[in-house]
């Protein structure tokens, strides 16, 4: 089975392409030599704990009775597991019990990949 990808070429322009399934795709980020690249977990922690110009997730969730989290379906490359690894402990620390957290899988209406 081929993997499908696209390049963003502008606000409303995408160029779709496929790669043979036997190819092993590697993701690279070009940085300056010696520059540290934070992990998804570290970036999530910072974004939720110290957002720019807004209260932290802990402040927002304090006193909240329940939370609904919407995640995309498995056809998207979003690192949901890594984000949830940070998000869920922050919510429980803010006092939201695990029984009060609901997940909605956003299936969307897109072309199957």
Protein backbone atom coordinates (compact mmCIF):
# COMPACT_ATOMS: atom_id res chain seq x y z
CA UNK A 1 0.00 0.00 0.00
CA UNK A 2 1.34 3.43 -0.91
CA UNK A 3 1.62 6.29 1.58
CA UNK A 4 0.04 9.58 0.53
CA UNK A 5 1.47 12.99 1.36
CA UNK A 6 1.18 16.57 0.22
CA UNK A 7 3.23 19.74 0.07
CA UNK A 8 1.64 23.08 0.98
CA UNK A 9 2.40 25.45 -1.87
CA UNK A 10 0.22 28.31 -0.65
CA UNK A 11 -2.85 29.05 1.45
CA UNK A 12 -5.18 27.14 -0.86
CA UNK A 13 -2.78 25.02 -2.90
CA UNK A 14 -1.56 21.53 -2.08
CA UNK A 15 0.43 19.20 -4.29
CA UNK A 16 -0.38 15.56 -3.46
CA UNK A 17 2.03 12.70 -4.04
CA UNK A 18 2.54 9.07 -3.03
CA UNK A 19 5.53 7.06 -1.95
CA UNK A 20 5.96 3.32 -2.35
CA UNK A 21 5.10 1.44 0.85
CA UNK A 22 8.52 -0.24 0.95
CA UNK A 23 10.20 3.16 1.36
CA UNK A 24 10.99 4.12 4.94
CA UNK A 25 10.23 7.78 5.41
CA UNK A 26 12.52 9.79 7.67
CA UNK A 27 11.55 13.22 9.01
CA UNK A 28 14.36 15.71 9.28
CA UNK A 29 14.40 19.20 10.69
CA UNK A 30 17.22 21.41 9.53
CA UNK A 31 18.79 23.35 12.38
CA UNK A 32 21.93 25.20 13.14
CA UNK A 33 24.72 22.99 14.40
CA UNK A 34 24.32 22.24 18.09
CA UNK A 35 20.82 23.74 18.27
CA UNK A 36 18.50 21.85 20.64
CA UNK A 37 15.17 20.66 19.24
CA UNK A 38 12.59 20.07 21.98
CA UNK A 39 10.46 16.93 21.91
CA UNK A 40 6.72 16.96 21.18
CA UNK A 41 6.13 16.37 24.88
CA UNK A 42 8.34 19.31 25.88
CA UNK A 43 6.68 21.64 23.37
CA UNK A 44 3.22 20.53 24.54
CA UNK A 45 4.14 21.05 28.19
CA UNK A 46 5.39 24.56 27.49
CA UNK A 47 2.41 25.50 25.31
CA UNK A 48 -0.13 24.31 27.91
CA UNK A 49 1.72 25.54 31.00
CA UNK A 50 2.97 28.87 29.68
CA UNK A 51 0.79 30.03 26.76
CA UNK A 52 1.45 33.51 25.45
CA UNK A 53 -1.11 36.00 26.70
CA UNK A 54 -3.50 33.41 28.14
CA UNK A 55 -3.96 31.49 31.42
CA UNK A 56 -2.33 28.07 31.65
CA UNK A 57 -4.35 24.91 31.13
CA UNK A 58 -4.14 24.26 34.88
CA UNK A 59 -5.74 27.63 35.60
CA UNK A 60 -8.42 27.14 32.96
CA UNK A 61 -9.25 23.62 34.14
CA UNK A 62 -9.32 24.44 37.85
CA UNK A 63 -12.87 23.95 39.11
CA UNK A 64 -14.09 22.47 35.81
CA UNK A 65 -16.39 19.47 36.27
CA UNK A 66 -15.73 17.75 32.94
CA UNK A 67 -13.61 18.02 29.82
CA UNK A 68 -14.11 16.84 26.25
CA UNK A 69 -11.03 16.31 24.12
CA UNK A 70 -11.37 16.12 20.35
CA UNK A 71 -8.64 14.22 18.50
CA UNK A 72 -8.23 13.53 14.80
CA UNK A 73 -8.52 10.06 13.35
CA UNK A 74 -5.62 7.72 12.67
CA UNK A 75 -5.28 8.86 9.04
CA UNK A 76 -3.52 12.03 10.20
CA UNK A 77 0.09 12.22 11.37
CA UNK A 78 -0.75 14.16 14.55
CA UNK A 79 1.25 12.84 17.53
CA UNK A 80 -1.91 12.41 19.65
CA UNK A 81 -0.36 9.86 22.01
CA UNK A 82 2.55 12.18 22.83
CA UNK A 83 0.27 15.18 23.37
CA UNK A 84 -2.11 13.20 25.59
CA UNK A 85 0.85 11.94 27.63
CA UNK A 86 1.29 15.56 28.77
CA UNK A 87 -2.31 16.80 28.62
CA UNK A 88 -4.01 14.17 30.78
CA UNK A 89 -1.74 14.56 33.85
CA UNK A 90 -2.19 18.35 33.66
CA UNK A 91 -5.96 17.91 33.70
CA UNK A 92 -5.95 15.47 36.61
CA UNK A 93 -3.54 17.73 38.51
CA UNK A 94 -6.05 20.57 38.00
CA UNK A 95 -8.75 18.40 39.61
CA UNK A 96 -10.51 16.87 36.61
CA UNK A 97 -11.07 13.18 37.38
CA UNK A 98 -10.37 10.61 34.67
CA UNK A 99 -14.03 9.59 34.71
CA UNK A 100 -14.96 13.15 33.70
CA UNK A 101 -12.79 13.22 30.57
CA UNK A 102 -14.53 12.34 27.30
CA UNK A 103 -12.84 11.75 23.95
CA UNK A 104 -14.39 12.49 20.58
CA UNK A 105 -12.68 11.08 17.49
CA UNK A 106 -13.06 13.62 14.67
CA UNK A 107 -13.41 11.42 11.62
CA UNK A 108 -13.85 14.34 9.26
CA UNK A 109 -14.87 14.16 5.65
CA UNK A 110 -11.61 13.85 3.82
CA UNK A 111 -10.20 11.61 1.16
CA UNK A 112 -9.01 8.32 2.71
CA UNK A 113 -5.23 8.10 2.88
